[in-house]
Amino acid sequence: MAKRSGYRQTCHNKAVSRSAGQYASYGYKVWADIPGYTRPPNLTVDGVTKRPDIIAKKGRDVQVIEWETPESVDKDHVQHQVLRTWSRRNGAHFHLRVCSV
């Protein structure tokens, strides 16, 4: 996970919170890496373990969502690759989103 300034971390956390709330309102069970939610589990691919910002599950539909700021989106390539590969191997959908600051 890339380090962010306080303001950018707040922007990131608000984007995660809004997204998690939206999935919950659609009937998904939501795990989110922010206060007020159960943390999502770590996902491991070929011995590399990363935690996404959100996992949302509704029936067999699994969404793996990672939020970045414009400054951090190019710094977390390993994390994005692990989450993308895990999603592909497990029939989930991976979404990389960038919040506007």
PDB file of N, CA and C in Angstrom:
ATOM      1  N   MET A   1       0.842  -1.169   0.000  1.00  0.00           N
ATOM      2  CA  MET A   1       0.000   0.000   0.000  1.00  0.00           C
ATOM      3  C   MET A   1       0.888   1.234   0.000  1.00  0.00           C
ATOM      4  N   ALA A   2       0.572   2.173  -0.848  1.00  0.00           N
ATOM      5  CA  ALA A   2       1.342   3.414  -0.934  1.00  0.00           C
ATOM      6  C   ALA A   2       1.007   4.319   0.250  1.00  0.00           C
ATOM      7  N   LYS A   3       1.984   5.109   0.661  1.00  0.00           N
ATOM      8  CA  LYS A   3       1.766   6.095   1.722  1.00  0.00           C
ATOM      9  C   LYS A   3       1.115   7.326   1.120  1.00  0.00           C
ATOM     10  N   ARG A   4       0.144   7.876   1.841  1.00  0.00           N
ATOM     11  CA  ARG A   4      -0.565   9.060   1.366  1.00  0.00           C
ATOM     12  C   ARG A   4      -0.502  10.142   2.430  1.00  0.00           C
ATOM     13  N   SER A   5      -0.600  11.405   1.995  1.00  0.00           N
ATOM     14  CA  SER A   5      -0.684  12.507   2.948  1.00  0.00           C
ATOM     15  C   SER A   5      -2.027  12.415   3.669  1.00  0.00           C
ATOM     16  N   GLY A   6      -2.173  13.128   4.768  1.00  0.00           N
ATOM     17  CA  GLY A   6      -3.413  13.095   5.542  1.00  0.00           C
ATOM     18  C   GLY A   6      -4.638  13.438   4.720  1.00  0.00           C
ATOM     19  N   TYR A   7      -4.543  14.495   3.910  1.00  0.00           N
ATOM     20  CA  TYR A   7      -5.678  14.908   3.082  1.00  0.00           C
ATOM     21  C   TYR A   7      -6.026  13.838   2.060  1.00  0.00           C
ATOM     22  N   ARG A   8      -5.024  13.294   1.412  1.00  0.00           N
ATOM     23  CA  ARG A   8      -5.268  12.274   0.382  1.00  0.00           C
ATOM     24  C   ARG A   8      -5.774  10.979   1.007  1.00  0.00           C
ATOM     25  N   GLN A   9      -5.292  10.651   2.217  1.00  0.00           N
ATOM     26  CA  GLN A   9      -5.793   9.462   2.911  1.00  0.00           C
ATOM     27  C   GLN A   9      -7.268   9.646   3.256  1.00  0.00           C
ATOM     28  N   THR A  10      -7.646  10.851   3.664  1.00  0.00           N
ATOM     29  CA  THR A  10      -9.051  11.131   3.962  1.00  0.00           C
ATOM     30  C   THR A  10      -9.904  10.988   2.710  1.00  0.00           C
ATOM     31  N   CYS A  11      -9.435  11.501   1.587  1.00  0.00           N
ATOM     32  CA  CYS A  11     -10.140  11.366   0.315  1.00  0.00           C
ATOM     33  C   CYS A  11     -10.306   9.895  -0.034  1.00  0.00           C
ATOM     34  N   HIS A  12      -9.233   9.129   0.110  1.00  0.00           N
ATOM     35  CA  HIS A  12      -9.260   7.685  -0.156  1.00  0.00           C
ATOM     36  C   HIS A  12     -10.295   7.011   0.734  1.00  0.00           C
ATOM     37  N   ASN A  13     -10.259   7.293   2.033  1.00  0.00           N
ATOM     38  CA  ASN A  13     -11.173   6.643   2.972  1.00  0.00           C
ATOM     39  C   ASN A  13     -12.627   7.009   2.689  1.00  0.00           C
ATOM     40  N   LYS A  14     -12.884   8.244   2.295  1.00  0.00           N
ATOM     41  CA  LYS A  14     -14.255   8.639   1.946  1.00  0.00           C
ATOM     42  C   LYS A  14     -14.736   7.896   0.709  1.00  0.00           C
ATOM     43  N   ALA A  15     -13.858   7.717  -0.276  1.00  0.00           N
ATOM     44  CA  ALA A  15     -14.224   6.980  -1.484  1.00  0.00           C
ATOM     45  C   ALA A  15     -14.520   5.523  -1.136  1.00  0.00           C
ATOM     46  N   VAL A  16     -13.706   4.919  -0.285  1.00  0.00           N
ATOM     47  CA  VAL A  16     -13.941   3.538   0.137  1.00  0.00           C
ATOM     48  C   VAL A  16     -15.265   3.444   0.884  1.00  0.00           C
ATOM     49  N   SER A  17     -15.519   4.388   1.768  1.00  0.00           N
ATOM     50  CA  SER A  17     -16.753   4.383   2.547  1.00  0.00           C
ATOM     51  C   SER A  17     -17.989   4.508   1.657  1.00  0.00           C
ATOM     52  N   ARG A  18     -17.960   5.430   0.713  1.00  0.00           N
ATOM     53  CA  ARG A  18     -19.095   5.606  -0.206  1.00  0.00           C
ATOM     54  C   ARG A  18     -19.320   4.350  -1.037  1.00  0.00           C
ATOM     55  N   SER A  19     -18.252   3.784  -1.547  1.00  0.00           N
ATOM     56  CA  SER A  19     -18.354   2.594  -2.378  1.00  0.00           C
ATOM     57  C   SER A  19     -18.890   1.411  -1.568  1.00  0.00           C
ATOM     58  N   ALA A  20     -18.375   1.223  -0.360  1.00  0.00           N
ATOM     59  CA  ALA A  20     -18.839   0.129   0.500  1.00  0.00           C
ATOM     60  C   ALA A  20     -20.324   0.297   0.821  1.00  0.00           C
ATOM     61  N   GLY A  21     -20.721   1.519   1.130  1.00  0.00           N
ATOM     62  CA  GLY A  21     -22.131   1.787   1.422  1.00  0.00           C
ATOM     63  C   GLY A  21     -23.027   1.518   0.227  1.00  0.00           C
ATOM     64  N   GLN A  22     -22.535   1.851  -0.955  1.00  0.00           N
ATOM     65  CA  GLN A  22     -23.319   1.623  -2.163  1.00  0.00           C
ATOM     66  C   GLN A  22     -23.513   0.130  -2.402  1.00  0.00           C
ATOM     67  N   TYR A  23     -22.443  -0.650  -2.274  1.00  0.00           N
ATOM     68  CA  TYR A  23     -22.586  -2.099  -2.439  1.00  0.00           C
ATOM     69  C   TYR A  23     -23.526  -2.673  -1.383  1.00  0.00           C
ATOM     70  N   ALA A  24     -23.415  -2.215  -0.150  1.00  0.00           N
ATOM     71  CA  ALA A  24     -24.310  -2.699   0.914  1.00  0.00           C
ATOM     72  C   ALA A  24     -25.764  -2.383   0.576  1.00  0.00           C
ATOM     73  N   SER A  25     -26.008  -1.200   0.013  1.00  0.00           N
ATOM     74  CA  SER A  25     -27.382  -0.815  -0.333  1.00  0.00           C
ATOM     75  C   SER A  25     -27.937  -1.678  -1.462  1.00  0.00           C
ATOM     76  N   TYR A  26     -27.071  -2.303  -2.240  1.00  0.00           N
ATOM     77  CA  TYR A  26     -27.493  -3.203  -3.315  1.00  0.00           C
ATOM     78  C   TYR A  26     -27.659  -4.638  -2.812  1.00  0.00           C
ATOM     79  N   GLY A  27     -27.485  -4.861  -1.519  1.00  0.00           N
ATOM     80  CA  GLY A  27     -27.684  -6.181  -0.941  1.00  0.00           C
ATOM     81  C   GLY A  27     -26.443  -7.039  -0.835  1.00  0.00           C
ATOM     82  N   TYR A  28     -25.278  -6.460  -1.075  1.00  0.00           N
ATOM     83  CA  TYR A  28     -24.030  -7.204  -0.949  1.00  0.00           C
ATOM     84  C   TYR A  28     -23.608  -7.282   0.510  1.00  0.00           C
ATOM     85  N   LYS A  29     -22.951  -8.368   0.884  1.00  0.00           N
ATOM     86  CA  LYS A  29     -22.218  -8.460   2.145  1.00  0.00           C
ATOM     87  C   LYS A  29     -20.892  -7.769   1.871  1.00  0.00           C
ATOM     88  N   VAL A  30     -20.513  -6.815   2.719  1.00  0.00           N
ATOM     89  CA  VAL A  30     -19.352  -5.973   2.431  1.00  0.00           C
ATOM     90  C   VAL A  30     -18.310  -6.066   3.539  1.00  0.00           C
ATOM     91  N   TRP A  31     -17.076  -6.274   3.134  1.00  0.00           N
ATOM     92  CA  TRP A  31     -15.910  -6.174   4.008  1.00  0.00           C
ATOM     93  C   TRP A  31     -15.090  -4.997   3.473  1.00  0.00           C
ATOM     94  N   ALA A  32     -14.709  -4.078   4.349  1.00  0.00           N
ATOM     95  CA  ALA A  32     -13.968  -2.896   3.891  1.00  0.00           C
ATOM     96  C   ALA A  32     -12.868  -2.551   4.888  1.00  0.00           C
ATOM     97  N   ASP A  33     -11.752  -2.090   4.376  1.00  0.00           N
ATOM     98  CA  ASP A  33     -10.585  -1.778   5.205  1.00  0.00           C
ATOM     99  C   ASP A  33     -10.640  -0.344   5.724  1.00  0.00           C
ATOM    100  N   ILE A  34     -11.765  -0.029   6.376  1.00  0.00           N
ATOM    101  CA  ILE A  34     -11.984   1.273   7.017  1.00  0.00           C
ATOM    102  C   ILE A  34     -12.777   1.030   8.297  1.00  0.00           C
ATOM    103  N   PRO A  35     -12.737   1.972   9.231  1.00  0.00           N
ATOM    104  CA  PRO A  35     -13.510   1.810  10.464  1.00  0.00           C
ATOM    105  C   PRO A  35     -15.006   1.642  10.177  1.00  0.00           C
ATOM    106  N   GLY A  36     -15.646   0.786  10.962  1.00  0.00           N
ATOM    107  CA  GLY A  36     -17.079   0.563  10.828  1.00  0.00           C
ATOM    108  C   GLY A  36     -17.420  -0.684  10.026  1.00  0.00           C
ATOM    109  N   TYR A  37     -16.435  -1.301   9.414  1.00  0.00           N
ATOM    110  CA  TYR A  37     -16.649  -2.523   8.630  1.00  0.00           C
ATOM    111  C   TYR A  37     -15.677  -3.598   9.108  1.00  0.00           C
ATOM    112  N   THR A  38     -16.048  -4.843   8.882  1.00  0.00           N
ATOM    113  CA  THR A  38     -15.121  -5.943   9.093  1.00  0.00           C
ATOM    114  C   THR A  38     -14.064  -5.876   7.993  1.00  0.00           C
ATOM    115  N   ARG A  39     -12.803  -6.029   8.386  1.00  0.00           N
ATOM    116  CA  ARG A  39     -11.724  -5.960   7.401  1.00  0.00           C
ATOM    117  C   ARG A  39     -11.826  -7.106   6.407  1.00  0.00           C
ATOM    118  N   PRO A  40     -11.549  -6.831   5.149  1.00  0.00           N
ATOM    119  CA  PRO A  40     -11.545  -7.922   4.165  1.00  0.00           C
ATOM    120  C   PRO A  40     -10.369  -8.862   4.433  1.00  0.00           C
ATOM    121  N   PRO A  41     -10.519 -10.113   4.032  1.00  0.00           N
ATOM    122  CA  PRO A  41      -9.397 -11.034   4.220  1.00  0.00           C
ATOM    123  C   PRO A  41      -8.241 -10.695   3.277  1.00  0.00           C
ATOM    124  N   ASN A  42      -7.061 -11.144   3.672  1.00  0.00           N
ATOM    125  CA  ASN A  42      -5.908 -11.035   2.780  1.00  0.00           C
ATOM    126  C   ASN A  42      -6.094 -12.013   1.628  1.00  0.00           C
ATOM    127  N   LEU A  43      -5.636 -11.638   0.451  1.00  0.00           N
ATOM    128  CA  LEU A  43      -5.699 -12.494  -0.725  1.00  0.00           C
ATOM    129  C   LEU A  43      -4.266 -12.823  -1.133  1.00  0.00           C
ATOM    130  N   THR A  44      -4.010 -14.088  -1.401  1.00  0.00           N
ATOM    131  CA  THR A  44      -2.650 -14.532  -1.688  1.00  0.00           C
ATOM    132  C   THR A  44      -2.568 -15.149  -3.083  1.00  0.00           C
ATOM    133  N   VAL A  45      -1.554 -14.739  -3.820  1.00  0.00           N
ATOM    134  CA  VAL A  45      -1.261 -15.293  -5.143  1.00  0.00           C
ATOM    135  C   VAL A  45       0.227 -15.596  -5.194  1.00  0.00           C
ATOM    136  N   ASP A  46       0.564 -16.849  -5.436  1.00  0.00           N
ATOM    137  CA  ASP A  46       1.958 -17.269  -5.582  1.00  0.00           C
ATOM    138  C   ASP A  46       2.830 -16.774  -4.429  1.00  0.00           C
ATOM    139  N   GLY A  47       2.320 -16.870  -3.212  1.00  0.00           N
ATOM    140  CA  GLY A  47       3.070 -16.501  -2.015  1.00  0.00           C
ATOM    141  C   GLY A  47       3.077 -15.023  -1.674  1.00  0.00           C
ATOM    142  N   VAL A  48       2.446 -14.185  -2.477  1.00  0.00           N
ATOM    143  CA  VAL A  48       2.379 -12.744  -2.209  1.00  0.00           C
ATOM    144  C   VAL A  48       0.969 -12.429  -1.695  1.00  0.00           C
ATOM    145  N   THR A  49       0.894 -11.795  -0.534  1.00  0.00           N
ATOM    146  CA  THR A  49      -0.382 -11.529   0.121  1.00  0.00           C
ATOM    147  C   THR A  49      -0.670 -10.036   0.171  1.00  0.00           C
ATOM    148  N   LYS A  50      -1.870  -9.662  -0.235  1.00  0.00           N
ATOM    149  CA  LYS A  50      -2.311  -8.263  -0.201  1.00  0.00           C
ATOM    150  C   LYS A  50      -3.760  -8.210   0.270  1.00  0.00           C
ATOM    151  N   ARG A  51      -4.157  -7.067   0.820  1.00  0.00           N
ATOM    152  CA  ARG A  51      -5.534  -6.864   1.264  1.00  0.00           C
ATOM    153  C   ARG A  51      -6.180  -5.777   0.410  1.00  0.00           C
ATOM    154  N   PRO A  52      -7.339  -6.071  -0.200  1.00  0.00           N
ATOM    155  CA  PRO A  52      -8.034  -5.038  -0.982  1.00  0.00           C
ATOM    156  C   PRO A  52      -8.771  -4.073  -0.054  1.00  0.00           C
ATOM    157  N   ASP A  53      -9.187  -2.942  -0.601  1.00  0.00           N
ATOM    158  CA  ASP A  53      -9.975  -1.996   0.185  1.00  0.00           C
ATOM    159  C   ASP A  53     -11.364  -2.556   0.472  1.00  0.00           C
ATOM    160  N   ILE A  54     -11.955  -3.235  -0.506  1.00  0.00           N
ATOM    161  CA  ILE A  54     -13.319  -3.756  -0.356  1.00  0.00           C
ATOM    162  C   ILE A  54     -13.436  -5.115  -1.021  1.00  0.00           C
ATOM    163  N   ILE A  55     -14.156  -6.007  -0.365  1.00  0.00           N
ATOM    164  CA  ILE A  55     -14.690  -7.210  -1.003  1.00  0.00           C
ATOM    165  C   ILE A  55     -16.192  -7.158  -0.770  1.00  0.00           C
ATOM    166  N   ALA A  56     -16.951  -7.292  -1.842  1.00  0.00           N
ATOM    167  CA  ALA A  56     -18.415  -7.294  -1.760  1.00  0.00           C
ATOM    168  C   ALA A  56     -18.918  -8.595  -2.382  1.00  0.00           C
ATOM    169  N   LYS A  57     -19.818  -9.279  -1.664  1.00  0.00           N
ATOM    170  CA  LYS A  57     -20.299 -10.581  -2.141  1.00  0.00           C
ATOM    171  C   LYS A  57     -21.810 -10.633  -2.055  1.00  0.00           C
ATOM    172  N   LYS A  58     -22.415 -11.090  -3.145  1.00  0.00           N
ATOM    173  CA  LYS A  58     -23.863 -11.273  -3.210  1.00  0.00           C
ATOM    174  C   LYS A  58     -24.098 -12.558  -3.995  1.00  0.00           C
ATOM    175  N   GLY A  59     -24.492 -13.607  -3.297  1.00  0.00           N
ATOM    176  CA  GLY A  59     -24.606 -14.910  -3.947  1.00  0.00           C
ATOM    177  C   GLY A  59     -23.238 -15.353  -4.418  1.00  0.00           C
ATOM    178  N   ARG A  60     -23.143 -15.687  -5.700  1.00  0.00           N
ATOM    179  CA  ARG A  60     -21.852 -16.112  -6.264  1.00  0.00           C
ATOM    180  C   ARG A  60     -21.069 -14.948  -6.863  1.00  0.00           C
ATOM    181  N   ASP A  61     -21.659 -13.763  -6.843  1.00  0.00           N
ATOM    182  CA  ASP A  61     -21.010 -12.571  -7.403  1.00  0.00           C
ATOM    183  C   ASP A  61     -20.056 -11.966  -6.372  1.00  0.00           C
ATOM    184  N   VAL A  62     -18.778 -11.931  -6.692  1.00  0.00           N
ATOM    185  CA  VAL A  62     -17.762 -11.365  -5.794  1.00  0.00           C
ATOM    186  C   VAL A  62     -17.057 -10.215  -6.510  1.00  0.00           C
ATOM    187  N   GLN A  63     -17.016  -9.072  -5.847  1.00  0.00           N
ATOM    188  CA  GLN A  63     -16.359  -7.875  -6.370  1.00  0.00           C
ATOM    189  C   GLN A  63     -15.172  -7.559  -5.461  1.00  0.00           C
ATOM    190  N   VAL A  64     -14.011  -7.342  -6.046  1.00  0.00           N
ATOM    191  CA  VAL A  64     -12.806  -6.941  -5.323  1.00  0.00           C
ATOM    192  C   VAL A  64     -12.479  -5.534  -5.806  1.00  0.00           C
ATOM    193  N   ILE A  65     -12.515  -4.569  -4.877  1.00  0.00           N
ATOM    194  CA  ILE A  65     -12.344  -3.157  -5.253  1.00  0.00           C
ATOM    195  C   ILE A  65     -11.136  -2.568  -4.537  1.00  0.00           C
ATOM    196  N   GLU A  66     -10.280  -1.923  -5.293  1.00  0.00           N
ATOM    197  CA  GLU A  66      -9.125  -1.215  -4.744  1.00  0.00           C
ATOM    198  C   GLU A  66      -9.205   0.244  -5.160  1.00  0.00           C
ATOM    199  N   TRP A  67      -9.192   1.139  -4.177  1.00  0.00           N
ATOM    200  CA  TRP A  67      -9.219   2.580  -4.427  1.00  0.00           C
ATOM    201  C   TRP A  67      -7.814   3.147  -4.287  1.00  0.00           C
ATOM    202  N   GLU A  68      -7.465   4.047  -5.164  1.00  0.00           N
ATOM    203  CA  GLU A  68      -6.184   4.756  -5.112  1.00  0.00           C
ATOM    204  C   GLU A  68      -6.422   6.246  -5.298  1.00  0.00           C
ATOM    205  N   THR A  69      -5.432   7.029  -4.919  1.00  0.00           N
ATOM    206  CA  THR A  69      -5.434   8.451  -5.239  1.00  0.00           C
ATOM    207  C   THR A  69      -4.633   8.612  -6.533  1.00  0.00           C
ATOM    208  N   PRO A  70      -4.725   9.756  -7.200  1.00  0.00           N
ATOM    209  CA  PRO A  70      -3.933   9.932  -8.420  1.00  0.00           C
ATOM    210  C   PRO A  70      -2.433   9.712  -8.192  1.00  0.00           C
ATOM    211  N   GLU A  71      -1.951  10.046  -6.994  1.00  0.00           N
ATOM    212  CA  GLU A  71      -0.524   9.896  -6.695  1.00  0.00           C
ATOM    213  C   GLU A  71      -0.141   8.450  -6.399  1.00  0.00           C
ATOM    214  N   SER A  72      -1.065   7.658  -5.884  1.00  0.00           N
ATOM    215  CA  SER A  72      -0.706   6.296  -5.477  1.00  0.00           C
ATOM    216  C   SER A  72      -1.006   5.245  -6.541  1.00  0.00           C
ATOM    217  N   VAL A  73      -1.784   5.589  -7.557  1.00  0.00           N
ATOM    218  CA  VAL A  73      -2.216   4.590  -8.528  1.00  0.00           C
ATOM    219  C   VAL A  73      -1.042   3.948  -9.271  1.00  0.00           C
ATOM    220  N   ASP A  74       0.028   4.680  -9.495  1.00  0.00           N
ATOM    221  CA  ASP A  74       1.179   4.128 -10.215  1.00  0.00           C
ATOM    222  C   ASP A  74       2.219   3.495  -9.292  1.00  0.00           C
ATOM    223  N   LYS A  75       1.939   3.481  -7.985  1.00  0.00           N
ATOM    224  CA  LYS A  75       2.929   2.979  -7.031  1.00  0.00           C
ATOM    225  C   LYS A  75       2.609   1.588  -6.496  1.00  0.00           C
ATOM    226  N   ASP A  76       1.422   1.083  -6.732  1.00  0.00           N
ATOM    227  CA  ASP A  76       0.992  -0.178  -6.131  1.00  0.00           C
ATOM    228  C   ASP A  76       0.797  -1.282  -7.163  1.00  0.00           C
ATOM    229  N   HIS A  77       1.694  -1.369  -8.135  1.00  0.00           N
ATOM    230  CA  HIS A  77       1.545  -2.350  -9.209  1.00  0.00           C
ATOM    231  C   HIS A  77       1.477  -3.792  -8.698  1.00  0.00           C
ATOM    232  N   VAL A  78       2.299  -4.127  -7.712  1.00  0.00           N
ATOM    233  CA  VAL A  78       2.296  -5.497  -7.189  1.00  0.00           C
ATOM    234  C   VAL A  78       0.950  -5.808  -6.562  1.00  0.00           C
ATOM    235  N   GLN A  79       0.428  -4.880  -5.766  1.00  0.00           N
ATOM    236  CA  GLN A  79      -0.880  -5.097  -5.139  1.00  0.00           C
ATOM    237  C   GLN A  79      -1.973  -5.268  -6.194  1.00  0.00           C
ATOM    238  N   HIS A  80      -1.971  -4.412  -7.181  1.00  0.00           N
ATOM    239  CA  HIS A  80      -2.994  -4.498  -8.232  1.00  0.00           C
ATOM    240  C   HIS A  80      -2.899  -5.836  -8.965  1.00  0.00           C
ATOM    241  N   GLN A  81      -1.682  -6.274  -9.255  1.00  0.00           N
ATOM    242  CA  GLN A  81      -1.507  -7.536  -9.968  1.00  0.00           C
ATOM    243  C   GLN A  81      -1.981  -8.714  -9.133  1.00  0.00           C
ATOM    244  N   VAL A  82      -1.665  -8.710  -7.837  1.00  0.00           N
ATOM    245  CA  VAL A  82      -2.119  -9.795  -6.953  1.00  0.00           C
ATOM    246  C   VAL A  82      -3.642  -9.828  -6.904  1.00  0.00           C
ATOM    247  N   LEU A  83      -4.273  -8.682  -6.700  1.00  0.00           N
ATOM    248  CA  LEU A  83      -5.736  -8.647  -6.604  1.00  0.00           C
ATOM    249  C   LEU A  83      -6.388  -9.026  -7.927  1.00  0.00           C
ATOM    250  N   ARG A  84      -5.828  -8.559  -9.032  1.00  0.00           N
ATOM    251  CA  ARG A  84      -6.366  -8.892 -10.356  1.00  0.00           C
ATOM    252  C   ARG A  84      -6.242 -10.397 -10.631  1.00  0.00           C
ATOM    253  N   THR A  85      -5.075 -10.965 -10.341  1.00  0.00           N
ATOM    254  CA  THR A  85      -4.854 -12.392 -10.580  1.00  0.00           C
ATOM    255  C   THR A  85      -5.727 -13.241  -9.668  1.00  0.00           C
ATOM    256  N   TRP A  86      -5.805 -12.886  -8.385  1.00  0.00           N
ATOM    257  CA  TRP A  86      -6.666 -13.626  -7.464  1.00  0.00           C
ATOM    258  C   TRP A  86      -8.110 -13.609  -7.961  1.00  0.00           C
ATOM    259  N   SER A  87      -8.563 -12.448  -8.384  1.00  0.00           N
ATOM    260  CA  SER A  87      -9.941 -12.316  -8.871  1.00  0.00           C
ATOM    261  C   SER A  87     -10.178 -13.207 -10.082  1.00  0.00           C
ATOM    262  N   ARG A  88      -9.269 -13.167 -11.027  1.00  0.00           N
ATOM    263  CA  ARG A  88      -9.406 -13.982 -12.231  1.00  0.00           C
ATOM    264  C   ARG A  88      -9.431 -15.470 -11.888  1.00  0.00           C
ATOM    265  N   ARG A  89      -8.555 -15.893 -11.010  1.00  0.00           N
ATOM    266  CA  ARG A  89      -8.471 -17.313 -10.640  1.00  0.00           C
ATOM    267  C   ARG A  89      -9.678 -17.785  -9.829  1.00  0.00           C
ATOM    268  N   ASN A  90     -10.371 -16.864  -9.177  1.00  0.00           N
ATOM    269  CA  ASN A  90     -11.473 -17.239  -8.290  1.00  0.00           C
ATOM    270  C   ASN A  90     -12.844 -16.788  -8.785  1.00  0.00           C
ATOM    271  N   GLY A  91     -12.926 -16.372 -10.032  1.00  0.00           N
ATOM    272  CA  GLY A  91     -14.214 -16.002 -10.610  1.00  0.00           C
ATOM    273  C   GLY A  91     -14.796 -14.710 -10.072  1.00  0.00           C
ATOM    274  N   ALA A  92     -13.949 -13.855  -9.533  1.00  0.00           N
ATOM    275  CA  ALA A  92     -14.387 -12.560  -9.003  1.00  0.00           C
ATOM    276  C   ALA A  92     -14.121 -11.470 -10.037  1.00  0.00           C
ATOM    277  N   HIS A  93     -14.629 -10.289  -9.771  1.00  0.00           N
ATOM    278  CA  HIS A  93     -14.416  -9.137 -10.649  1.00  0.00           C
ATOM    279  C   HIS A  93     -13.546  -8.121  -9.909  1.00  0.00           C
ATOM    280  N   PHE A  94     -12.444  -7.720 -10.523  1.00  0.00           N
ATOM    281  CA  PHE A  94     -11.544  -6.746  -9.918  1.00  0.00           C
ATOM    282  C   PHE A  94     -11.795  -5.361 -10.504  1.00  0.00           C
ATOM    283  N   HIS A  95     -11.857  -4.361  -9.629  1.00  0.00           N
ATOM    284  CA  HIS A  95     -12.042  -2.977 -10.043  1.00  0.00           C
ATOM    285  C   HIS A  95     -10.964  -2.113  -9.390  1.00  0.00           C
ATOM    286  N   LEU A  96     -10.196  -1.414 -10.196  1.00  0.00           N
ATOM    287  CA  LEU A  96      -9.241  -0.425  -9.722  1.00  0.00           C
ATOM    288  C   LEU A  96      -9.858   0.929  -9.973  1.00  0.00           C
ATOM    289  N   ARG A  97     -10.075   1.693  -8.904  1.00  0.00           N
ATOM    290  CA  ARG A  97     -10.710   2.996  -9.024  1.00  0.00           C
ATOM    291  C   ARG A  97      -9.799   4.064  -8.451  1.00  0.00           C
ATOM    292  N   VAL A  98      -9.890   5.258  -9.010  1.00  0.00           N
ATOM    293  CA  VAL A  98      -9.071   6.376  -8.559  1.00  0.00           C
ATOM    294  C   VAL A  98     -10.005   7.476  -8.086  1.00  0.00           C
ATOM    295  N   CYS A  99      -9.807   7.887  -6.819  1.00  0.00           N
ATOM    296  CA  CYS A  99     -10.652   8.969  -6.287  1.00  0.00           C
ATOM    297  C   CYS A  99     -10.100  10.312  -6.759  1.00  0.00           C
ATOM    298  N   SER A 100     -10.982  11.260  -6.914  1.00  0.00           N
ATOM    299  CA  SER A 100     -10.552  12.605  -7.310  1.00  0.00           C
ATOM    300  C   SER A 100     -10.285  13.417  -6.058  1.00  0.00           C
ATOM    301  N   VAL A 101      -9.179  14.105  -6.055  1.00  0.00           N
ATOM    302  CA  VAL A 101      -8.810  14.910  -4.886  1.00  0.00           C
ATOM    303  C   VAL A 101      -8.811  16.374  -5.212  1.00  0.00           C
TER     304      VAL A 101
END
